[in-house]
């Protein structure tokens, strides 16, 4: 199981704390330090769709040029997320070939009790 995010993100911190409190063994991958490839993003998009993964509410999105923001589609979103990893909604939890995007304690609880 791997948690992906950036260490200064409050939501990622909450997820890491929750996982530790529940004694779940999780490796951590920081987008900024460890990178994020288009290949990995393509795999994730195939699992959940680009709209679920791409964060249009982020400061990073607001800072994009109008040309970058316009005509978004899957290929363009993957390219942008690879260039600007903070465009990825966080955290991303990969467990047994499945992805969970974001963090809310009740959702994690339900996901782990499946």
PDB file of N, CA and C in Angstrom:
ATOM      1  N   UNK A   1       0.858  -1.172   0.000  1.00  0.00           N
ATOM      2  CA  UNK A   1       0.000   0.000   0.000  1.00  0.00           C
ATOM      3  C   UNK A   1       0.903   1.233   0.000  1.00  0.00           C
ATOM      4  N   UNK A   2       0.569   2.188  -0.854  1.00  0.00           N
ATOM      5  CA  UNK A   2       1.369   3.408  -0.973  1.00  0.00           C
ATOM      6  C   UNK A   2       0.451   4.623  -0.930  1.00  0.00           C
ATOM      7  N   UNK A   3       0.863   5.615  -0.145  1.00  0.00           N
ATOM      8  CA  UNK A   3       0.171   6.898  -0.094  1.00  0.00           C
ATOM      9  C   UNK A   3       1.014   7.900  -0.869  1.00  0.00           C
ATOM     10  N   UNK A   4       0.369   8.586  -1.805  1.00  0.00           N
ATOM     11  CA  UNK A   4       1.036   9.587  -2.627  1.00  0.00           C
ATOM     12  C   UNK A   4       0.518  10.967  -2.250  1.00  0.00           C
ATOM     13  N   UNK A   5       1.416  11.946  -2.199  1.00  0.00           N
ATOM     14  CA  UNK A   5       0.995  13.307  -1.900  1.00  0.00           C
ATOM     15  C   UNK A   5       2.199  14.228  -1.792  1.00  0.00           C
ATOM     16  N   UNK A   6       1.995  15.338  -1.115  1.00  0.00           N
ATOM     17  CA  UNK A   6       3.090  16.252  -0.787  1.00  0.00           C
ATOM     18  C   UNK A   6       3.039  16.489   0.713  1.00  0.00           C
ATOM     19  N   UNK A   7       4.215  16.569   1.318  1.00  0.00           N
ATOM     20  CA  UNK A   7       4.262  16.552   2.779  1.00  0.00           C
ATOM     21  C   UNK A   7       3.690  17.798   3.440  1.00  0.00           C
ATOM     22  N   UNK A   8       3.615  18.925   2.749  1.00  0.00           N
ATOM     23  CA  UNK A   8       3.071  20.123   3.393  1.00  0.00           C
ATOM     24  C   UNK A   8       1.567  20.279   3.199  1.00  0.00           C
ATOM     25  N   UNK A   9       0.910  19.266   2.627  1.00  0.00           N
ATOM     26  CA  UNK A   9      -0.542  19.292   2.420  1.00  0.00           C
ATOM     27  C   UNK A   9      -1.238  18.816   3.699  1.00  0.00           C
ATOM     28  N   UNK A  10      -2.146  19.631   4.217  1.00  0.00           N
ATOM     29  CA  UNK A  10      -2.856  19.285   5.452  1.00  0.00           C
ATOM     30  C   UNK A  10      -3.649  17.992   5.311  1.00  0.00           C
ATOM     31  N   UNK A  11      -4.277  17.778   4.178  1.00  0.00           N
ATOM     32  CA  UNK A  11      -5.082  16.581   3.985  1.00  0.00           C
ATOM     33  C   UNK A  11      -4.200  15.337   3.948  1.00  0.00           C
ATOM     34  N   UNK A  12      -3.040  15.446   3.343  1.00  0.00           N
ATOM     35  CA  UNK A  12      -2.094  14.323   3.328  1.00  0.00           C
ATOM     36  C   UNK A  12      -1.632  14.031   4.758  1.00  0.00           C
ATOM     37  N   UNK A  13      -1.355  15.068   5.513  1.00  0.00           N
ATOM     38  CA  UNK A  13      -0.966  14.871   6.928  1.00  0.00           C
ATOM     39  C   UNK A  13      -2.051  14.143   7.704  1.00  0.00           C
ATOM     40  N   UNK A  14      -3.312  14.539   7.491  1.00  0.00           N
ATOM     41  CA  UNK A  14      -4.428  13.877   8.183  1.00  0.00           C
ATOM     42  C   UNK A  14      -4.511  12.408   7.801  1.00  0.00           C
ATOM     43  N   UNK A  15      -4.346  12.121   6.524  1.00  0.00           N
ATOM     44  CA  UNK A  15      -4.402  10.731   6.059  1.00  0.00           C
ATOM     45  C   UNK A  15      -3.265   9.912   6.661  1.00  0.00           C
ATOM     46  N   UNK A  16      -2.069  10.472   6.677  1.00  0.00           N
ATOM     47  CA  UNK A  16      -0.925   9.750   7.249  1.00  0.00           C
ATOM     48  C   UNK A  16      -1.139   9.481   8.733  1.00  0.00           C
ATOM     49  N   UNK A  17      -1.686  10.460   9.427  1.00  0.00           N
ATOM     50  CA  UNK A  17      -1.962  10.295  10.855  1.00  0.00           C
ATOM     51  C   UNK A  17      -3.006   9.194  11.066  1.00  0.00           C
ATOM     52  N   UNK A  18      -4.076   9.214  10.279  1.00  0.00           N
ATOM     53  CA  UNK A  18      -5.134   8.214  10.405  1.00  0.00           C
ATOM     54  C   UNK A  18      -4.574   6.817  10.150  1.00  0.00           C
ATOM     55  N   UNK A  19      -3.783   6.670   9.097  1.00  0.00           N
ATOM     56  CA  UNK A  19      -3.195   5.373   8.758  1.00  0.00           C
ATOM     57  C   UNK A  19      -2.280   4.880   9.874  1.00  0.00           C
ATOM     58  N   UNK A  20      -1.484   5.778  10.451  1.00  0.00           N
ATOM     59  CA  UNK A  20      -0.593   5.400  11.553  1.00  0.00           C
ATOM     60  C   UNK A  20      -1.399   4.996  12.791  1.00  0.00           C
ATOM     61  N   UNK A  21      -2.448   5.738  13.100  1.00  0.00           N
ATOM     62  CA  UNK A  21      -3.286   5.421  14.258  1.00  0.00           C
ATOM     63  C   UNK A  21      -3.957   4.058  14.124  1.00  0.00           C
ATOM     64  N   UNK A  22      -4.202   3.653  12.880  1.00  0.00           N
ATOM     65  CA  UNK A  22      -4.839   2.365  12.634  1.00  0.00           C
ATOM     66  C   UNK A  22      -3.809   1.265  12.336  1.00  0.00           C
ATOM     67  N   UNK A  23      -2.550   1.570  12.589  1.00  0.00           N
ATOM     68  CA  UNK A  23      -1.448   0.609  12.475  1.00  0.00           C
ATOM     69  C   UNK A  23      -1.395  -0.060  11.107  1.00  0.00           C
ATOM     70  N   UNK A  24      -1.600   0.737  10.082  1.00  0.00           N
ATOM     71  CA  UNK A  24      -1.541   0.240   8.716  1.00  0.00           C
ATOM     72  C   UNK A  24      -0.173   0.563   8.124  1.00  0.00           C
ATOM     73  N   UNK A  25       0.456  -0.435   7.571  1.00  0.00           N
ATOM     74  CA  UNK A  25       1.790  -0.285   7.004  1.00  0.00           C
ATOM     75  C   UNK A  25       1.679   0.308   5.603  1.00  0.00           C
ATOM     76  N   UNK A  26       2.110   1.541   5.469  1.00  0.00           N
ATOM     77  CA  UNK A  26       1.975   2.272   4.211  1.00  0.00           C
ATOM     78  C   UNK A  26       3.304   2.925   3.864  1.00  0.00           C
ATOM     79  N   UNK A  27       3.734   2.760   2.620  1.00  0.00           N
ATOM     80  CA  UNK A  27       4.898   3.525   2.168  1.00  0.00           C
ATOM     81  C   UNK A  27       4.391   4.874   1.675  1.00  0.00           C
ATOM     82  N   UNK A  28       5.276   5.853   1.668  1.00  0.00           N
ATOM     83  CA  UNK A  28       4.888   7.211   1.294  1.00  0.00           C
ATOM     84  C   UNK A  28       5.720   7.659   0.106  1.00  0.00           C
ATOM     85  N   UNK A  29       5.049   8.267  -0.862  1.00  0.00           N
ATOM     86  CA  UNK A  29       5.700   8.779  -2.072  1.00  0.00           C
ATOM     87  C   UNK A  29       5.330  10.250  -2.212  1.00  0.00           C
ATOM     88  N   UNK A  30       6.330  11.111  -2.117  1.00  0.00           N
ATOM     89  CA  UNK A  30       6.105  12.548  -2.243  1.00  0.00           C
ATOM     90  C   UNK A  30       6.245  12.946  -3.711  1.00  0.00           C
ATOM     91  N   UNK A  31       5.174  13.530  -4.269  1.00  0.00           N
ATOM     92  CA  UNK A  31       5.188  13.950  -5.673  1.00  0.00           C
ATOM     93  C   UNK A  31       6.376  14.853  -5.983  1.00  0.00           C
ATOM     94  N   UNK A  32       6.630  15.791  -5.100  1.00  0.00           N
ATOM     95  CA  UNK A  32       7.692  16.777  -5.375  1.00  0.00           C
ATOM     96  C   UNK A  32       9.070  16.151  -5.274  1.00  0.00           C
ATOM     97  N   UNK A  33       9.301  15.346  -4.254  1.00  0.00           N
ATOM     98  CA  UNK A  33      10.635  14.773  -4.039  1.00  0.00           C
ATOM     99  C   UNK A  33      10.889  13.544  -4.894  1.00  0.00           C
ATOM    100  N   UNK A  34       9.875  12.694  -5.038  1.00  0.00           N
ATOM    101  CA  UNK A  34      10.052  11.411  -5.712  1.00  0.00           C
ATOM    102  C   UNK A  34       9.571  11.410  -7.154  1.00  0.00           C
ATOM    103  N   UNK A  35       8.902  12.488  -7.560  1.00  0.00           N
ATOM    104  CA  UNK A  35       8.438  12.610  -8.937  1.00  0.00           C
ATOM    105  C   UNK A  35       7.123  11.906  -9.197  1.00  0.00           C
ATOM    106  N   UNK A  36       6.604  12.144 -10.380  1.00  0.00           N
ATOM    107  CA  UNK A  36       5.341  11.565 -10.810  1.00  0.00           C
ATOM    108  C   UNK A  36       5.392  11.477 -12.334  1.00  0.00           C
ATOM    109  N   UNK A  37       5.318  10.268 -12.864  1.00  0.00           N
ATOM    110  CA  UNK A  37       5.474  10.065 -14.298  1.00  0.00           C
ATOM    111  C   UNK A  37       4.130  10.066 -15.024  1.00  0.00           C
ATOM    112  N   UNK A  38       4.196  10.364 -16.305  1.00  0.00           N
ATOM    113  CA  UNK A  38       2.992  10.290 -17.134  1.00  0.00           C
ATOM    114  C   UNK A  38       2.470   8.860 -17.187  1.00  0.00           C
ATOM    115  N   UNK A  39       3.379   7.880 -17.144  1.00  0.00           N
ATOM    116  CA  UNK A  39       2.956   6.474 -17.166  1.00  0.00           C
ATOM    117  C   UNK A  39       2.104   6.148 -15.939  1.00  0.00           C
ATOM    118  N   UNK A  40       2.549   6.570 -14.773  1.00  0.00           N
ATOM    119  CA  UNK A  40       1.785   6.320 -13.543  1.00  0.00           C
ATOM    120  C   UNK A  40       0.442   7.052 -13.604  1.00  0.00           C
ATOM    121  N   UNK A  41       0.472   8.306 -14.030  1.00  0.00           N
ATOM    122  CA  UNK A  41      -0.768   9.071 -14.139  1.00  0.00           C
ATOM    123  C   UNK A  41      -1.739   8.426 -15.121  1.00  0.00           C
ATOM    124  N   UNK A  42      -1.231   7.908 -16.213  1.00  0.00           N
ATOM    125  CA  UNK A  42      -2.075   7.228 -17.200  1.00  0.00           C
ATOM    126  C   UNK A  42      -2.738   6.004 -16.574  1.00  0.00           C
ATOM    127  N   UNK A  43      -1.997   5.254 -15.779  1.00  0.00           N
ATOM    128  CA  UNK A  43      -2.569   4.099 -15.069  1.00  0.00           C
ATOM    129  C   UNK A  43      -3.685   4.547 -14.123  1.00  0.00           C
ATOM    130  N   UNK A  44      -3.422   5.597 -13.366  1.00  0.00           N
ATOM    131  CA  UNK A  44      -4.422   6.090 -12.419  1.00  0.00           C
ATOM    132  C   UNK A  44      -5.672   6.593 -13.135  1.00  0.00           C
ATOM    133  N   UNK A  45      -5.460   7.321 -14.225  1.00  0.00           N
ATOM    134  CA  UNK A  45      -6.593   7.845 -14.993  1.00  0.00           C
ATOM    135  C   UNK A  45      -7.435   6.687 -15.534  1.00  0.00           C
ATOM    136  N   UNK A  46      -6.790   5.607 -15.950  1.00  0.00           N
ATOM    137  CA  UNK A  46      -7.527   4.436 -16.423  1.00  0.00           C
ATOM    138  C   UNK A  46      -8.381   3.838 -15.303  1.00  0.00           C
ATOM    139  N   UNK A  47      -7.939   3.999 -14.057  1.00  0.00           N
ATOM    140  CA  UNK A  47      -8.661   3.441 -12.911  1.00  0.00           C
ATOM    141  C   UNK A  47      -9.821   4.323 -12.453  1.00  0.00           C
ATOM    142  N   UNK A  48      -9.606   5.646 -12.436  1.00  0.00           N
ATOM    143  CA  UNK A  48     -10.611   6.537 -11.821  1.00  0.00           C
ATOM    144  C   UNK A  48     -11.099   7.655 -12.732  1.00  0.00           C
ATOM    145  N   UNK A  49     -10.477   7.826 -13.879  1.00  0.00           N
ATOM    146  CA  UNK A  49     -10.833   8.931 -14.774  1.00  0.00           C
ATOM    147  C   UNK A  49     -10.046  10.188 -14.432  1.00  0.00           C
ATOM    148  N   UNK A  50      -9.745  10.974 -15.458  1.00  0.00           N
ATOM    149  CA  UNK A  50      -8.908  12.157 -15.218  1.00  0.00           C
ATOM    150  C   UNK A  50      -9.625  13.205 -14.393  1.00  0.00           C
ATOM    151  N   UNK A  51     -10.946  13.300 -14.528  1.00  0.00           N
ATOM    152  CA  UNK A  51     -11.688  14.324 -13.795  1.00  0.00           C
ATOM    153  C   UNK A  51     -11.620  14.098 -12.286  1.00  0.00           C
ATOM    154  N   UNK A  52     -11.556  12.833 -11.862  1.00  0.00           N
ATOM    155  CA  UNK A  52     -11.477  12.517 -10.433  1.00  0.00           C
ATOM    156  C   UNK A  52     -10.095  12.837  -9.869  1.00  0.00           C
ATOM    157  N   UNK A  53      -9.096  12.790 -10.708  1.00  0.00           N
ATOM    158  CA  UNK A  53      -7.715  12.966 -10.269  1.00  0.00           C
ATOM    159  C   UNK A  53      -7.224  14.414 -10.384  1.00  0.00           C
ATOM    160  N   UNK A  54      -7.786  15.165 -11.311  1.00  0.00           N
ATOM    161  CA  UNK A  54      -7.317  16.520 -11.624  1.00  0.00           C
ATOM    162  C   UNK A  54      -8.018  17.537 -10.721  1.00  0.00           C
ATOM    163  N   UNK A  55      -7.224  18.321 -10.006  1.00  0.00           N
ATOM    164  CA  UNK A  55      -7.772  19.257  -9.022  1.00  0.00           C
ATOM    165  C   UNK A  55      -7.929  20.657  -9.620  1.00  0.00           C
ATOM    166  N   UNK A  56      -9.147  20.965 -10.056  1.00  0.00           N
ATOM    167  CA  UNK A  56      -9.428  22.287 -10.631  1.00  0.00           C
ATOM    168  C   UNK A  56      -9.596  23.356  -9.556  1.00  0.00           C
ATOM    169  N   UNK A  57      -9.661  22.965  -8.293  1.00  0.00           N
ATOM    170  CA  UNK A  57      -9.824  23.938  -7.209  1.00  0.00           C
ATOM    171  C   UNK A  57      -8.490  24.405  -6.614  1.00  0.00           C
ATOM    172  N   UNK A  58      -7.407  23.840  -7.073  1.00  0.00           N
ATOM    173  CA  UNK A  58      -6.103  24.122  -6.477  1.00  0.00           C
ATOM    174  C   UNK A  58      -5.547  25.473  -6.909  1.00  0.00           C
ATOM    175  N   UNK A  59      -4.660  25.990  -6.097  1.00  0.00           N
ATOM    176  CA  UNK A  59      -3.919  27.200  -6.451  1.00  0.00           C
ATOM    177  C   UNK A  59      -3.115  26.957  -7.723  1.00  0.00           C
ATOM    178  N   UNK A  60      -2.590  25.749  -7.855  1.00  0.00           N
ATOM    179  CA  UNK A  60      -1.815  25.414  -9.051  1.00  0.00           C
ATOM    180  C   UNK A  60      -2.661  25.573 -10.309  1.00  0.00           C
ATOM    181  N   UNK A  61      -3.920  25.166 -10.246  1.00  0.00           N
ATOM    182  CA  UNK A  61      -4.800  25.315 -11.407  1.00  0.00           C
ATOM    183  C   UNK A  61      -5.056  26.792 -11.694  1.00  0.00           C
ATOM    184  N   UNK A  62      -5.316  27.553 -10.661  1.00  0.00           N
ATOM    185  CA  UNK A  62      -5.569  28.986 -10.859  1.00  0.00           C
ATOM    186  C   UNK A  62      -4.351  29.695 -11.450  1.00  0.00           C
ATOM    187  N   UNK A  63      -3.163  29.169 -11.185  1.00  0.00           N
ATOM    188  CA  UNK A  63      -1.935  29.792 -11.678  1.00  0.00           C
ATOM    189  C   UNK A  63      -1.578  29.375 -13.110  1.00  0.00           C
ATOM    190  N   UNK A  64      -2.318  28.425 -13.672  1.00  0.00           N
ATOM    191  CA  UNK A  64      -2.055  28.028 -15.060  1.00  0.00           C
ATOM    192  C   UNK A  64      -2.422  29.164 -16.010  1.00  0.00           C
ATOM    193  N   UNK A  65      -1.828  29.136 -17.177  1.00  0.00           N
ATOM    194  CA  UNK A  65      -2.195  30.118 -18.199  1.00  0.00           C
ATOM    195  C   UNK A  65      -3.585  29.771 -18.725  1.00  0.00           C
ATOM    196  N   UNK A  66      -4.216  30.743 -19.365  1.00  0.00           N
ATOM    197  CA  UNK A  66      -5.527  30.492 -19.960  1.00  0.00           C
ATOM    198  C   UNK A  66      -5.439  29.384 -21.009  1.00  0.00           C
ATOM    199  N   UNK A  67      -4.351  29.350 -21.752  1.00  0.00           N
ATOM    200  CA  UNK A  67      -4.162  28.315 -22.772  1.00  0.00           C
ATOM    201  C   UNK A  67      -4.077  26.925 -22.124  1.00  0.00           C
ATOM    202  N   UNK A  68      -3.393  26.837 -20.990  1.00  0.00           N
ATOM    203  CA  UNK A  68      -3.282  25.551 -20.293  1.00  0.00           C
ATOM    204  C   UNK A  68      -4.642  25.107 -19.735  1.00  0.00           C
ATOM    205  N   UNK A  69      -5.428  26.059 -19.259  1.00  0.00           N
ATOM    206  CA  UNK A  69      -6.737  25.737 -18.676  1.00  0.00           C
ATOM    207  C   UNK A  69      -7.796  25.382 -19.712  1.00  0.00           C
ATOM    208  N   UNK A  70      -7.638  25.885 -20.920  1.00  0.00           N
ATOM    209  CA  UNK A  70      -8.695  25.701 -21.925  1.00  0.00           C
ATOM    210  C   UNK A  70      -8.602  24.328 -22.590  1.00  0.00           C
ATOM    211  N   UNK A  71      -9.750  23.868 -23.052  1.00  0.00           N
ATOM    212  CA  UNK A  71      -9.844  22.617 -23.803  1.00  0.00           C
ATOM    213  C   UNK A  71      -9.201  21.437 -23.079  1.00  0.00           C
ATOM    214  N   UNK A  72      -9.485  21.322 -21.790  1.00  0.00           N
ATOM    215  CA  UNK A  72      -8.926  20.204 -21.032  1.00  0.00           C
ATOM    216  C   UNK A  72      -9.531  18.892 -21.501  1.00  0.00           C
ATOM    217  N   UNK A  73      -8.661  17.915 -21.659  1.00  0.00           N
ATOM    218  CA  UNK A  73      -9.086  16.561 -21.953  1.00  0.00           C
ATOM    219  C   UNK A  73      -8.129  15.618 -21.226  1.00  0.00           C
ATOM    220  N   UNK A  74      -8.324  14.338 -21.383  1.00  0.00           N
ATOM    221  CA  UNK A  74      -7.506  13.374 -20.648  1.00  0.00           C
ATOM    222  C   UNK A  74      -6.012  13.542 -20.914  1.00  0.00           C
ATOM    223  N   UNK A  75      -5.631  13.593 -22.169  1.00  0.00           N
ATOM    224  CA  UNK A  75      -4.203  13.686 -22.520  1.00  0.00           C
ATOM    225  C   UNK A  75      -3.581  14.972 -21.979  1.00  0.00           C
ATOM    226  N   UNK A  76      -4.285  16.072 -22.141  1.00  0.00           N
ATOM    227  CA  UNK A  76      -3.769  17.360 -21.659  1.00  0.00           C
ATOM    228  C   UNK A  76      -3.676  17.370 -20.136  1.00  0.00           C
ATOM    229  N   UNK A  77      -4.672  16.804 -19.459  1.00  0.00           N
ATOM    230  CA  UNK A  77      -4.665  16.754 -18.000  1.00  0.00           C
ATOM    231  C   UNK A  77      -3.489  15.921 -17.488  1.00  0.00           C
ATOM    232  N   UNK A  78      -3.229  14.799 -18.124  1.00  0.00           N
ATOM    233  CA  UNK A  78      -2.096  13.948 -17.717  1.00  0.00           C
ATOM    234  C   UNK A  78      -0.786  14.706 -17.886  1.00  0.00           C
ATOM    235  N   UNK A  79      -0.631  15.372 -19.012  1.00  0.00           N
ATOM    236  CA  UNK A  79       0.594  16.156 -19.256  1.00  0.00           C
ATOM    237  C   UNK A  79       0.757  17.255 -18.213  1.00  0.00           C
ATOM    238  N   UNK A  80      -0.329  17.966 -17.926  1.00  0.00           N
ATOM    239  CA  UNK A  80      -0.264  19.046 -16.930  1.00  0.00           C
ATOM    240  C   UNK A  80       0.052  18.503 -15.529  1.00  0.00           C
ATOM    241  N   UNK A  81      -0.575  17.384 -15.141  1.00  0.00           N
ATOM    242  CA  UNK A  81      -0.306  16.809 -13.813  1.00  0.00           C
ATOM    243  C   UNK A  81       1.136  16.319 -13.706  1.00  0.00           C
ATOM    244  N   UNK A  82       1.692  15.817 -14.806  1.00  0.00           N
ATOM    245  CA  UNK A  82       3.094  15.394 -14.793  1.00  0.00           C
ATOM    246  C   UNK A  82       4.018  16.598 -14.634  1.00  0.00           C
ATOM    247  N   UNK A  83       3.664  17.717 -15.266  1.00  0.00           N
ATOM    248  CA  UNK A  83       4.468  18.947 -15.159  1.00  0.00           C
ATOM    249  C   UNK A  83       4.274  19.639 -13.817  1.00  0.00           C
ATOM    250  N   UNK A  84       3.042  19.617 -13.324  1.00  0.00           N
ATOM    251  CA  UNK A  84       2.673  20.301 -12.083  1.00  0.00           C
ATOM    252  C   UNK A  84       1.973  19.287 -11.164  1.00  0.00           C
ATOM    253  N   UNK A  85       2.743  18.473 -10.436  1.00  0.00           N
ATOM    254  CA  UNK A  85       2.137  17.413  -9.618  1.00  0.00           C
ATOM    255  C   UNK A  85       1.121  17.908  -8.582  1.00  0.00           C
ATOM    256  N   UNK A  86       1.185  19.180  -8.224  1.00  0.00           N
ATOM    257  CA  UNK A  86       0.215  19.690  -7.250  1.00  0.00           C
ATOM    258  C   UNK A  86      -1.182  19.845  -7.864  1.00  0.00           C
ATOM    259  N   UNK A  87      -1.325  19.556  -9.149  1.00  0.00           N
ATOM    260  CA  UNK A  87      -2.644  19.522  -9.776  1.00  0.00           C
ATOM    261  C   UNK A  87      -3.377  18.209  -9.466  1.00  0.00           C
ATOM    262  N   UNK A  88      -2.665  17.246  -8.904  1.00  0.00           N
ATOM    263  CA  UNK A  88      -3.277  15.967  -8.543  1.00  0.00           C
ATOM    264  C   UNK A  88      -3.995  16.138  -7.209  1.00  0.00           C
ATOM    265  N   UNK A  89      -5.260  15.707  -7.161  1.00  0.00           N
ATOM    266  CA  UNK A  89      -5.989  15.729  -5.895  1.00  0.00           C
ATOM    267  C   UNK A  89      -5.250  14.827  -4.918  1.00  0.00           C
ATOM    268  N   UNK A  90      -5.216  15.256  -3.666  1.00  0.00           N
ATOM    269  CA  UNK A  90      -4.421  14.537  -2.676  1.00  0.00           C
ATOM    270  C   UNK A  90      -5.247  14.205  -1.445  1.00  0.00           C
ATOM    271  N   UNK A  91      -4.780  13.171  -0.773  1.00  0.00           N
ATOM    272  CA  UNK A  91      -3.781  12.173  -1.157  1.00  0.00           C
ATOM    273  C   UNK A  91      -4.368  11.131  -2.106  1.00  0.00           C
ATOM    274  N   UNK A  92      -3.467  10.387  -2.704  1.00  0.00           N
ATOM    275  CA  UNK A  92      -3.838   9.243  -3.527  1.00  0.00           C
ATOM    276  C   UNK A  92      -3.329   8.015  -2.784  1.00  0.00           C
ATOM    277  N   UNK A  93      -4.230   7.100  -2.488  1.00  0.00           N
ATOM    278  CA  UNK A  93      -3.862   5.871  -1.789  1.00  0.00           C
ATOM    279  C   UNK A  93      -4.042   4.706  -2.741  1.00  0.00           C
ATOM    280  N   UNK A  94      -2.956   3.976  -2.981  1.00  0.00           N
ATOM    281  CA  UNK A  94      -2.976   2.804  -3.846  1.00  0.00           C
ATOM    282  C   UNK A  94      -2.924   1.570  -2.962  1.00  0.00           C
ATOM    283  N   UNK A  95      -3.982   0.752  -3.071  1.00  0.00           N
ATOM    284  CA  UNK A  95      -4.080  -0.450  -2.235  1.00  0.00           C
ATOM    285  C   UNK A  95      -4.651  -1.577  -3.084  1.00  0.00           C
ATOM    286  N   UNK A  96      -3.886  -2.646  -3.215  1.00  0.00           N
ATOM    287  CA  UNK A  96      -4.345  -3.835  -3.928  1.00  0.00           C
ATOM    288  C   UNK A  96      -4.872  -3.512  -5.324  1.00  0.00           C
ATOM    289  N   UNK A  97      -4.187  -2.627  -6.030  1.00  0.00           N
ATOM    290  CA  UNK A  97      -4.579  -2.300  -7.390  1.00  0.00           C
ATOM    291  C   UNK A  97      -5.769  -1.363  -7.510  1.00  0.00           C
ATOM    292  N   UNK A  98      -6.191  -0.766  -6.395  1.00  0.00           N
ATOM    293  CA  UNK A  98      -7.303   0.172  -6.390  1.00  0.00           C
ATOM    294  C   UNK A  98      -6.842   1.509  -5.833  1.00  0.00           C
ATOM    295  N   UNK A  99      -7.472   2.586  -6.304  1.00  0.00           N
ATOM    296  CA  UNK A  99      -7.113   3.936  -5.857  1.00  0.00           C
ATOM    297  C   UNK A  99      -8.224   4.540  -5.022  1.00  0.00           C
ATOM    298  N   UNK A 100      -7.806   5.283  -4.013  1.00  0.00           N
ATOM    299  CA  UNK A 100      -8.727   6.127  -3.251  1.00  0.00           C
ATOM    300  C   UNK A 100      -8.155   7.529  -3.329  1.00  0.00           C
ATOM    301  N   UNK A 101      -8.982   8.482  -3.761  1.00  0.00           N
ATOM    302  CA  UNK A 101      -8.539   9.867  -3.932  1.00  0.00           C
ATOM    303  C   UNK A 101      -9.125  10.704  -2.804  1.00  0.00           C
ATOM    304  N   UNK A 102      -8.286  11.531  -2.172  1.00  0.00           N
ATOM    305  CA  UNK A 102      -8.733  12.402  -1.088  1.00  0.00           C
ATOM    306  C   UNK A 102      -8.719  11.674   0.244  1.00  0.00           C
ATOM    307  N   UNK A 103      -9.108  12.406   1.303  1.00  0.00           N
ATOM    308  CA  UNK A 103      -9.165  11.792   2.627  1.00  0.00           C
ATOM    309  C   UNK A 103     -10.344  12.337   3.419  1.00  0.00           C
ATOM    310  N   UNK A 104     -11.127  11.423   3.898  1.00  0.00           N
ATOM    311  CA  UNK A 104     -12.139  11.669   4.920  1.00  0.00           C
ATOM    312  C   UNK A 104     -12.135  10.404   5.764  1.00  0.00           C
ATOM    313  N   UNK A 105     -12.019  10.547   7.063  1.00  0.00           N
ATOM    314  CA  UNK A 105     -11.888   9.393   7.946  1.00  0.00           C
ATOM    315  C   UNK A 105     -12.988   8.351   7.730  1.00  0.00           C
ATOM    316  N   UNK A 106     -14.272   8.741   7.648  1.00  0.00           N
ATOM    317  CA  UNK A 106     -15.309   7.716   7.445  1.00  0.00           C
ATOM    318  C   UNK A 106     -15.140   6.935   6.134  1.00  0.00           C
ATOM    319  N   UNK A 107     -14.673   7.619   5.082  1.00  0.00           N
ATOM    320  CA  UNK A 107     -14.456   6.937   3.809  1.00  0.00           C
ATOM    321  C   UNK A 107     -13.295   5.956   3.906  1.00  0.00           C
ATOM    322  N   UNK A 108     -12.224   6.352   4.578  1.00  0.00           N
ATOM    323  CA  UNK A 108     -11.106   5.434   4.781  1.00  0.00           C
ATOM    324  C   UNK A 108     -11.567   4.233   5.599  1.00  0.00           C
ATOM    325  N   UNK A 109     -12.311   4.490   6.662  1.00  0.00           N
ATOM    326  CA  UNK A 109     -12.799   3.406   7.518  1.00  0.00           C
ATOM    327  C   UNK A 109     -13.607   2.405   6.690  1.00  0.00           C
ATOM    328  N   UNK A 110     -14.517   2.906   5.877  1.00  0.00           N
ATOM    329  CA  UNK A 110     -15.348   2.038   5.043  1.00  0.00           C
ATOM    330  C   UNK A 110     -14.491   1.285   4.018  1.00  0.00           C
ATOM    331  N   UNK A 111     -13.528   1.970   3.433  1.00  0.00           N
ATOM    332  CA  UNK A 111     -12.682   1.367   2.408  1.00  0.00           C
ATOM    333  C   UNK A 111     -11.857   0.225   2.981  1.00  0.00           C
ATOM    334  N   UNK A 112     -11.331   0.418   4.181  1.00  0.00           N
ATOM    335  CA  UNK A 112     -10.497  -0.612   4.799  1.00  0.00           C
ATOM    336  C   UNK A 112     -11.321  -1.747   5.396  1.00  0.00           C
ATOM    337  N   UNK A 113     -12.606  -1.550   5.589  1.00  0.00           N
ATOM    338  CA  UNK A 113     -13.458  -2.600   6.152  1.00  0.00           C
ATOM    339  C   UNK A 113     -14.174  -3.405   5.075  1.00  0.00           C
ATOM    340  N   UNK A 114     -13.841  -3.168   3.817  1.00  0.00           N
ATOM    341  CA  UNK A 114     -14.489  -3.922   2.726  1.00  0.00           C
ATOM    342  C   UNK A 114     -14.063  -5.366   2.772  1.00  0.00           C
TER     343      UNK A 114
END
